Amino acid sequence: MPEKVLFKSEQVASRGDVAAYLRTVADKLDAGDALTLESGSESVSLDPPQSVEFEVKAEHEGPAEAGELSVEFEIEWDVDGSDGSLEIK
């Protein structure tokens, strides 16, 4: 199934600014609130369920002695709210 990008933002930021942004996301998740992502005139609101799939990935792209390092945090859940658990009916 093709992926549809609902929102994307990329910018240069200080480590402190990134930490503050991630704290805001963490606080909203902890409170059970929806997440609203905004950049300029673009915005999207998402309301993750109580149980989500959480992925952390560290990558090195490019030549071994150069290139770019990154860390990605991804939160995923099914649109229909199901968690994909095995059920016997």
N, C-alpha and C. Protein backbone atom coordinates (compact mmCIF):
# COMPACT_ATOMS: atom_id res chain seq x y z
N MET A 1 0.85 -1.17 0.00
CA MET A 1 0.00 0.00 0.00
C MET A 1 0.90 1.24 0.00
N PRO A 2 0.62 2.22 -0.85
CA PRO A 2 1.47 3.41 -0.93
C PRO A 2 1.33 4.28 0.32
N GLU A 3 2.42 4.95 0.62
CA GLU A 3 2.44 5.85 1.78
C GLU A 3 1.99 7.23 1.35
N LYS A 4 1.15 7.87 2.15
CA LYS A 4 0.70 9.23 1.88
C LYS A 4 1.25 10.11 3.00
N VAL A 5 2.11 11.06 2.67
CA VAL A 5 2.69 11.95 3.66
C VAL A 5 1.66 13.03 4.01
N LEU A 6 1.25 13.08 5.27
CA LEU A 6 0.26 14.05 5.73
C LEU A 6 0.91 15.36 6.17
N PHE A 7 2.17 15.27 6.60
CA PHE A 7 2.88 16.45 7.10
C PHE A 7 4.37 16.14 7.11
N LYS A 8 5.17 17.12 6.73
CA LYS A 8 6.62 16.95 6.82
C LYS A 8 7.24 18.31 7.09
N SER A 9 8.19 18.34 8.01
CA SER A 9 8.91 19.56 8.32
C SER A 9 10.35 19.20 8.62
N GLU A 10 11.26 19.98 8.10
CA GLU A 10 12.69 19.76 8.36
C GLU A 10 13.33 21.12 8.53
N GLN A 11 14.09 21.29 9.61
CA GLN A 11 14.73 22.58 9.86
C GLN A 11 15.97 22.37 10.72
N VAL A 12 16.85 23.35 10.71
CA VAL A 12 18.00 23.34 11.59
C VAL A 12 17.53 23.88 12.94
N ALA A 13 17.87 23.18 14.02
CA ALA A 13 17.45 23.58 15.36
C ALA A 13 18.55 23.23 16.36
N SER A 14 18.56 23.93 17.48
CA SER A 14 19.52 23.61 18.53
C SER A 14 19.09 22.33 19.25
N ARG A 15 20.02 21.71 19.94
CA ARG A 15 19.68 20.51 20.72
C ARG A 15 18.61 20.85 21.76
N GLY A 16 18.71 22.04 22.36
CA GLY A 16 17.72 22.47 23.35
C GLY A 16 16.33 22.61 22.75
N ASP A 17 16.25 23.17 21.54
CA ASP A 17 14.96 23.32 20.87
C ASP A 17 14.36 21.95 20.53
N VAL A 18 15.20 21.03 20.08
CA VAL A 18 14.72 19.67 19.78
C VAL A 18 14.21 19.00 21.05
N ALA A 19 14.97 19.15 22.15
CA ALA A 19 14.55 18.56 23.43
C ALA A 19 13.21 19.14 23.89
N ALA A 20 13.02 20.44 23.75
CA ALA A 20 11.76 21.07 24.14
C ALA A 20 10.60 20.55 23.29
N TYR A 21 10.83 20.38 21.99
CA TYR A 21 9.81 19.85 21.09
C TYR A 21 9.43 18.43 21.49
N LEU A 22 10.45 17.59 21.75
CA LEU A 22 10.18 16.21 22.14
C LEU A 22 9.48 16.14 23.50
N ARG A 23 9.81 17.07 24.42
CA ARG A 23 9.12 17.11 25.72
C ARG A 23 7.63 17.44 25.53
N THR A 24 7.34 18.36 24.62
CA THR A 24 5.95 18.71 24.35
C THR A 24 5.20 17.50 23.80
N VAL A 25 5.82 16.78 22.88
CA VAL A 25 5.20 15.56 22.34
C VAL A 25 4.98 14.56 23.47
N ALA A 26 5.99 14.35 24.31
CA ALA A 26 5.89 13.40 25.43
C ALA A 26 4.77 13.81 26.39
N ASP A 27 4.68 15.09 26.71
CA ASP A 27 3.63 15.57 27.63
C ASP A 27 2.24 15.31 27.04
N LYS A 28 2.08 15.58 25.75
CA LYS A 28 0.77 15.36 25.11
C LYS A 28 0.41 13.87 25.08
N LEU A 29 1.40 13.01 24.78
CA LEU A 29 1.14 11.57 24.80
C LEU A 29 0.78 11.11 26.20
N ASP A 30 1.51 11.59 27.19
CA ASP A 30 1.27 11.20 28.59
C ASP A 30 -0.12 11.62 29.06
N ALA A 31 -0.58 12.79 28.59
CA ALA A 31 -1.89 13.30 28.99
C ALA A 31 -3.03 12.70 28.18
N GLY A 32 -2.71 11.95 27.12
CA GLY A 32 -3.75 11.38 26.26
C GLY A 32 -4.33 12.38 25.29
N ASP A 33 -3.61 13.48 25.06
CA ASP A 33 -4.08 14.53 24.16
C ASP A 33 -3.68 14.23 22.71
N ALA A 34 -4.39 14.85 21.79
CA ALA A 34 -4.04 14.76 20.37
C ALA A 34 -2.77 15.56 20.13
N LEU A 35 -2.04 15.20 19.08
CA LEU A 35 -0.85 15.93 18.66
C LEU A 35 -1.21 16.76 17.44
N THR A 36 -0.94 18.05 17.48
CA THR A 36 -1.13 18.90 16.32
C THR A 36 0.24 19.37 15.86
N LEU A 37 0.58 19.03 14.64
CA LEU A 37 1.85 19.42 14.04
C LEU A 37 1.59 20.59 13.11
N GLU A 38 2.35 21.67 13.27
CA GLU A 38 2.15 22.87 12.46
C GLU A 38 3.47 23.40 11.95
N SER A 39 3.47 23.87 10.72
CA SER A 39 4.61 24.56 10.14
C SER A 39 4.07 25.47 9.05
N GLY A 40 4.17 26.77 9.27
CA GLY A 40 3.60 27.72 8.32
C GLY A 40 2.10 27.52 8.22
N SER A 41 1.60 27.36 7.00
CA SER A 41 0.16 27.17 6.80
C SER A 41 -0.25 25.70 6.84
N GLU A 42 0.72 24.80 6.98
CA GLU A 42 0.42 23.36 7.03
C GLU A 42 0.20 22.91 8.47
N SER A 43 -0.77 22.04 8.67
CA SER A 43 -0.97 21.43 9.99
C SER A 43 -1.73 20.12 9.85
N VAL A 44 -1.52 19.26 10.83
CA VAL A 44 -2.25 18.00 10.90
C VAL A 44 -2.40 17.65 12.37
N SER A 45 -3.58 17.13 12.74
CA SER A 45 -3.81 16.67 14.11
C SER A 45 -3.98 15.16 14.09
N LEU A 46 -3.31 14.50 15.02
CA LEU A 46 -3.36 13.05 15.14
C LEU A 46 -3.66 12.70 16.59
N ASP A 47 -4.46 11.67 16.79
CA ASP A 47 -4.84 11.27 18.15
C ASP A 47 -4.45 9.80 18.36
N PRO A 48 -3.21 9.56 18.81
CA PRO A 48 -2.76 8.18 18.99
C PRO A 48 -3.56 7.46 20.08
N PRO A 49 -3.82 6.17 19.90
CA PRO A 49 -4.50 5.39 20.94
C PRO A 49 -3.55 5.14 22.11
N GLN A 50 -4.05 4.50 23.15
CA GLN A 50 -3.24 4.24 24.35
C GLN A 50 -2.07 3.31 24.06
N SER A 51 -2.23 2.39 23.13
CA SER A 51 -1.17 1.45 22.80
C SER A 51 -0.72 1.69 21.37
N VAL A 52 0.58 1.95 21.19
CA VAL A 52 1.14 2.24 19.87
C VAL A 52 2.40 1.41 19.67
N GLU A 53 2.85 1.35 18.44
CA GLU A 53 4.15 0.73 18.14
C GLU A 53 5.18 1.86 18.11
N PHE A 54 6.28 1.70 18.86
CA PHE A 54 7.31 2.73 18.96
C PHE A 54 8.62 2.17 18.42
N GLU A 55 9.20 2.87 17.46
CA GLU A 55 10.44 2.42 16.83
C GLU A 55 11.50 3.51 16.96
N VAL A 56 12.71 3.11 17.32
CA VAL A 56 13.86 4.00 17.35
C VAL A 56 14.90 3.42 16.41
N LYS A 57 15.44 4.27 15.53
CA LYS A 57 16.41 3.79 14.55
C LYS A 57 17.56 4.78 14.46
N ALA A 58 18.80 4.28 14.53
CA ALA A 58 19.99 5.10 14.30
C ALA A 58 20.59 4.66 12.98
N GLU A 59 20.97 5.64 12.14
CA GLU A 59 21.47 5.32 10.81
C GLU A 59 22.74 6.09 10.49
N HIS A 60 23.55 5.50 9.63
CA HIS A 60 24.70 6.19 9.04
C HIS A 60 24.51 6.10 7.54
N GLU A 61 24.45 7.24 6.87
CA GLU A 61 24.27 7.27 5.42
C GLU A 61 25.52 7.84 4.77
N GLY A 62 25.93 7.23 3.69
CA GLY A 62 27.08 7.74 2.95
C GLY A 62 28.33 6.93 3.21
N PRO A 63 29.48 7.46 2.76
CA PRO A 63 30.75 6.74 2.91
C PRO A 63 31.10 6.50 4.38
N ALA A 64 31.87 5.45 4.63
CA ALA A 64 32.20 5.05 6.01
C ALA A 64 32.88 6.16 6.80
N GLU A 65 33.75 6.92 6.18
CA GLU A 65 34.50 7.96 6.90
C GLU A 65 33.81 9.32 6.89
N ALA A 66 32.70 9.44 6.20
CA ALA A 66 31.99 10.73 6.12
C ALA A 66 30.50 10.45 6.20
N GLY A 67 29.72 11.19 5.49
CA GLY A 67 28.29 10.93 5.44
C GLY A 67 27.53 11.65 6.53
N GLU A 68 26.43 11.05 6.91
CA GLU A 68 25.50 11.70 7.84
C GLU A 68 24.98 10.67 8.83
N LEU A 69 24.90 11.05 10.09
CA LEU A 69 24.31 10.22 11.14
C LEU A 69 22.94 10.76 11.47
N SER A 70 22.03 9.87 11.84
CA SER A 70 20.69 10.32 12.23
C SER A 70 20.09 9.36 13.24
N VAL A 71 19.15 9.89 14.00
CA VAL A 71 18.32 9.06 14.88
C VAL A 71 16.87 9.42 14.56
N GLU A 72 16.05 8.39 14.40
CA GLU A 72 14.64 8.60 14.06
C GLU A 72 13.76 7.96 15.12
N PHE A 73 12.71 8.66 15.51
CA PHE A 73 11.71 8.15 16.44
C PHE A 73 10.40 8.06 15.67
N GLU A 74 9.76 6.90 15.71
CA GLU A 74 8.51 6.72 14.97
C GLU A 74 7.46 6.10 15.87
N ILE A 75 6.28 6.67 15.85
CA ILE A 75 5.12 6.15 16.59
C ILE A 75 4.11 5.74 15.54
N GLU A 76 3.64 4.50 15.61
CA GLU A 76 2.73 3.96 14.59
C GLU A 76 1.53 3.31 15.24
N TRP A 77 0.37 3.42 14.57
CA TRP A 77 -0.83 2.73 15.02
C TRP A 77 -1.75 2.55 13.83
N ASP A 78 -2.66 1.60 13.94
CA ASP A 78 -3.63 1.34 12.87
C ASP A 78 -4.71 2.41 12.88
N VAL A 79 -5.12 2.83 11.70
CA VAL A 79 -6.16 3.85 11.56
C VAL A 79 -7.46 3.40 12.22
N ASP A 80 -7.79 2.11 12.08
CA ASP A 80 -9.04 1.61 12.64
C ASP A 80 -8.97 1.38 14.15
N GLY A 81 -7.81 1.65 14.75
CA GLY A 81 -7.69 1.52 16.20
C GLY A 81 -7.35 0.13 16.68
N SER A 82 -7.32 -0.84 15.78
CA SER A 82 -6.98 -2.20 16.22
C SER A 82 -5.48 -2.30 16.41
N ASP A 83 -5.09 -3.17 17.31
CA ASP A 83 -3.66 -3.32 17.58
C ASP A 83 -3.05 -4.53 16.88
N GLY A 84 -3.85 -5.22 16.08
CA GLY A 84 -3.34 -6.37 15.36
C GLY A 84 -3.14 -7.61 16.22
N SER A 85 -3.71 -7.60 17.42
CA SER A 85 -3.57 -8.74 18.32
C SER A 85 -4.32 -9.95 17.78
N LEU A 86 -3.82 -11.12 18.12
CA LEU A 86 -4.48 -12.36 17.74
C LEU A 86 -5.77 -12.51 18.53
N GLU A 87 -6.83 -12.81 17.82
CA GLU A 87 -8.12 -13.04 18.47
C GLU A 87 -8.67 -14.38 17.99
N ILE A 88 -9.31 -15.10 18.89
CA ILE A 88 -10.00 -16.34 18.55
C ILE A 88 -11.47 -16.10 18.81
N LYS A 89 -12.29 -16.31 17.77
CA LYS A 89 -13.72 -16.05 17.91
C LYS A 89 -14.50 -17.30 17.67
